[in-house]
Amino acid sequence: MERIMTVNDKEYEIRKLLGRGKGGYSYLAWDGAREYVLKQIHHEPCDYYQFGNKLEAEVNDYRRLLHLGIKMPALIDVDRERERILKEYIAGNTVDELVRQDRVPPECLEQLRDMCRVLYAAHLNIDYYPTNFVVREGQLYYIDFECNEYMEEWNFENWGVKYWSKTL
């Protein structure tokens, strides 16, 4: 893991790996004043998902979700040459951590259902896996930007609920 990474020639100290997803590695980054998430797009194979241009898909998906009012981190910068995205860091526990500890606040499930109503009306699904959500001060944030055309088999009730099941 690199200690310093750049986004459009601005340097960020990499503090730790936050996670690896289908499209990239997310790191906690520091610019000397505040923390961010720096996502490095990767091109590792994924058996169950087909990609086009991952970086452009992230940017386009962010715009779609922002337009719908989905609570998520702000997209701060995009480095197309290095295939990196810099976004706001939302400090808090992931829903995955909270599910494993049986500590998911009941209002989070209601907030997720509110998100679903907006998404389904727009014919979209997001990645409902619990590591893609953070709870901060009672608010649920979708910290990934991925969204796809709505398919019933991939909606929350048919797919995501399996991973949030301790919350029901």
Protein backbone atom coordinates (compact mmCIF):
# COMPACT_ATOMS: atom_id res chain seq x y z
CA MET A 1 0.00 0.00 0.00
CA GLU A 2 1.34 3.39 -0.97
CA ARG A 3 1.80 5.90 1.85
CA ILE A 4 1.15 8.92 -0.37
CA MET A 5 -1.33 9.00 -3.25
CA THR A 6 -2.21 11.92 -5.46
CA VAL A 7 -5.47 13.11 -6.94
CA ASN A 8 -4.94 15.67 -9.69
CA ASP A 9 -1.45 16.37 -8.32
CA LYS A 10 -2.61 17.01 -4.74
CA GLU A 11 -1.02 14.64 -2.24
CA TYR A 12 -2.89 12.66 0.38
CA GLU A 13 -1.43 10.57 3.17
CA ILE A 14 -2.99 7.12 3.16
CA ARG A 15 -3.89 6.17 6.71
CA LYS A 16 -5.50 2.77 6.16
CA LEU A 17 -7.37 0.53 3.76
CA LEU A 18 -11.10 0.88 4.36
CA GLY A 19 -12.19 -1.87 1.99
CA ARG A 20 -12.05 -3.57 -1.37
CA GLY A 21 -15.07 -3.66 -3.61
CA LYS A 22 -15.95 -4.89 -7.08
CA GLY A 23 -14.60 -1.72 -8.63
CA GLY A 24 -11.76 -0.52 -6.45
CA TYR A 25 -9.92 -0.10 -3.19
CA SER A 26 -11.05 2.59 -0.74
CA TYR A 27 -8.53 4.22 1.56
CA LEU A 28 -8.81 6.67 4.43
CA ALA A 29 -6.77 9.64 3.21
CA TRP A 30 -5.55 12.79 4.97
CA ASP A 31 -4.54 16.12 3.45
CA GLY A 32 -3.21 17.65 6.66
CA ALA A 33 -6.54 19.26 7.52
CA ARG A 34 -9.27 16.66 7.05
CA GLU A 35 -9.99 13.06 6.18
CA TYR A 36 -11.36 11.78 2.88
CA VAL A 37 -12.00 8.51 1.12
CA LEU A 38 -9.70 7.98 -1.82
CA LYS A 39 -10.94 5.25 -4.14
CA GLN A 40 -8.49 3.66 -6.54
CA ILE A 41 -10.27 1.91 -9.40
CA HIS A 42 -8.94 -1.60 -10.05
CA HIS A 43 -9.32 -3.91 -13.01
CA GLU A 44 -9.43 -7.22 -11.19
CA PRO A 45 -11.88 -9.74 -12.64
CA CYS A 46 -15.31 -10.15 -11.08
CA ASP A 47 -17.21 -13.32 -12.01
CA TYR A 48 -20.67 -12.00 -11.22
CA TYR A 49 -20.59 -8.42 -12.52
CA GLN A 50 -19.89 -6.86 -15.91
CA PHE A 51 -18.17 -3.49 -16.07
CA GLY A 52 -17.75 -0.82 -18.68
CA ASN A 53 -15.71 2.23 -17.75
CA LYS A 54 -15.69 1.96 -13.95
CA LEU A 55 -14.58 5.52 -13.29
CA GLU A 56 -17.22 7.11 -15.53
CA ALA A 57 -19.86 4.77 -14.12
CA GLU A 58 -19.01 5.97 -10.57
CA VAL A 59 -19.28 9.62 -11.60
CA ASN A 60 -22.52 9.09 -13.52
CA ASP A 61 -24.06 7.01 -10.72
CA TYR A 62 -23.12 9.70 -8.20
CA ARG A 63 -24.97 12.29 -10.28
CA ARG A 64 -28.06 10.09 -10.56
CA LEU A 65 -28.21 9.43 -6.83
CA LEU A 66 -27.47 13.05 -5.93
CA HIS A 67 -30.36 14.15 -8.15
CA LEU A 68 -32.65 11.76 -6.22
CA GLY A 69 -31.53 13.10 -2.85
CA ILE A 70 -29.95 9.88 -1.59
CA LYS A 71 -27.83 10.58 1.52
CA MET A 72 -24.25 9.90 0.55
CA PRO A 73 -20.79 11.45 0.73
CA ALA A 74 -19.96 14.36 -1.55
CA LEU A 75 -17.83 13.65 -4.61
CA ILE A 76 -14.93 16.08 -4.23
CA ASP A 77 -12.54 15.31 -7.09
CA VAL A 78 -11.94 12.88 -9.94
CA ASP A 79 -8.50 12.05 -11.34
CA ARG A 80 -9.23 10.42 -14.67
CA GLU A 81 -5.58 9.76 -15.53
CA ARG A 82 -4.91 7.81 -12.32
CA GLU A 83 -8.48 6.46 -12.10
CA ARG A 84 -9.03 7.85 -8.61
CA ILE A 85 -12.03 9.37 -6.87
CA LEU A 86 -11.87 11.56 -3.79
CA LYS A 87 -14.99 11.78 -1.68
CA GLU A 88 -16.14 13.00 1.68
CA TYR A 89 -15.39 10.68 4.58
CA ILE A 90 -18.49 9.82 6.62
CA ALA A 91 -17.22 8.70 10.02
CA GLY A 92 -19.34 6.10 11.77
CA ASN A 93 -20.05 2.41 12.00
CA THR A 94 -20.93 0.44 8.92
CA VAL A 95 -24.25 -1.34 9.00
CA ASP A 96 -22.27 -4.56 8.63
CA GLU A 97 -20.55 -3.88 11.98
CA LEU A 98 -23.86 -2.98 13.60
CA VAL A 99 -25.64 -6.08 12.22
CA ARG A 100 -22.91 -8.34 13.62
CA GLN A 101 -23.29 -6.66 17.03
CA ASP A 102 -27.12 -6.65 16.93
CA ARG A 103 -27.01 -2.85 17.32
CA VAL A 104 -28.70 -1.47 14.19
CA PRO A 105 -30.94 1.41 15.27
CA PRO A 106 -34.57 0.75 14.22
CA GLU A 107 -34.76 4.11 12.43
CA CYS A 108 -32.04 2.97 10.01
CA LEU A 109 -34.27 0.34 8.48
CA GLU A 110 -36.99 2.95 8.02
CA GLN A 111 -34.49 5.31 6.40
CA LEU A 112 -33.43 2.48 4.08
CA ARG A 113 -37.05 1.81 3.13
CA ASP A 114 -37.45 5.54 2.37
CA MET A 115 -34.41 5.31 0.08
CA CYS A 116 -35.93 2.28 -1.61
CA ARG A 117 -39.18 4.12 -2.33
CA VAL A 118 -37.24 6.90 -4.08
CA LEU A 119 -34.96 4.47 -5.92
CA TYR A 120 -37.72 2.14 -7.09
CA ALA A 121 -39.76 5.09 -8.39
CA ALA A 122 -36.68 6.05 -10.44
CA HIS A 123 -36.30 2.40 -11.60
CA LEU A 124 -32.97 1.96 -9.78
CA ASN A 125 -31.31 -0.37 -7.31
CA ILE A 126 -28.21 0.32 -5.26
CA ASP A 127 -25.82 -2.21 -3.76
CA TYR A 128 -27.65 -3.06 -0.53
CA TYR A 129 -24.74 -4.93 1.02
CA PRO A 130 -24.33 -3.58 4.61
CA THR A 131 -20.68 -2.51 4.20
CA ASN A 132 -21.97 0.14 1.78
CA PHE A 133 -23.87 1.98 4.53
CA VAL A 134 -22.62 4.04 7.46
CA VAL A 135 -24.65 5.31 10.41
CA ARG A 136 -23.60 8.67 11.81
CA GLU A 137 -25.62 10.46 14.48
CA GLY A 138 -28.72 8.39 13.70
CA GLN A 139 -28.53 9.09 9.95
CA LEU A 140 -28.02 6.37 7.35
CA TYR A 141 -25.64 7.14 4.47
CA TYR A 142 -25.07 5.10 1.33
CA ILE A 143 -21.30 5.42 0.97
CA ASP A 144 -21.00 3.69 -2.40
CA PHE A 145 -22.08 5.39 -5.61
CA GLU A 146 -23.08 2.24 -7.52
CA CYS A 147 -26.59 2.07 -8.87
CA ASN A 148 -28.17 -0.07 -11.57
CA GLU A 149 -31.39 -0.31 -13.47
CA TYR A 150 -34.07 -1.81 -11.26
CA MET A 151 -34.41 -5.58 -11.32
CA GLU A 152 -36.69 -7.22 -8.78
CA GLU A 153 -34.21 -9.98 -7.98
CA TRP A 154 -31.63 -7.37 -6.86
CA ASN A 155 -33.93 -5.10 -4.85
CA PHE A 156 -33.65 -4.80 -1.08
CA GLU A 157 -36.55 -7.14 -0.31
CA ASN A 158 -35.16 -9.97 -2.45
CA TRP A 159 -31.41 -9.56 -2.09
CA GLY A 160 -30.29 -6.97 0.49
CA VAL A 161 -32.57 -8.25 3.23
CA LYS A 162 -30.48 -11.43 3.43
CA TYR A 163 -27.58 -9.37 4.75
CA TRP A 164 -29.62 -7.03 6.91
CA SER A 165 -31.70 -9.90 8.31
CA LYS A 166 -30.81 -9.37 11.95
CA THR A 167 -32.44 -5.93 11.69
CA LEU A 168 -35.90 -7.24 10.84
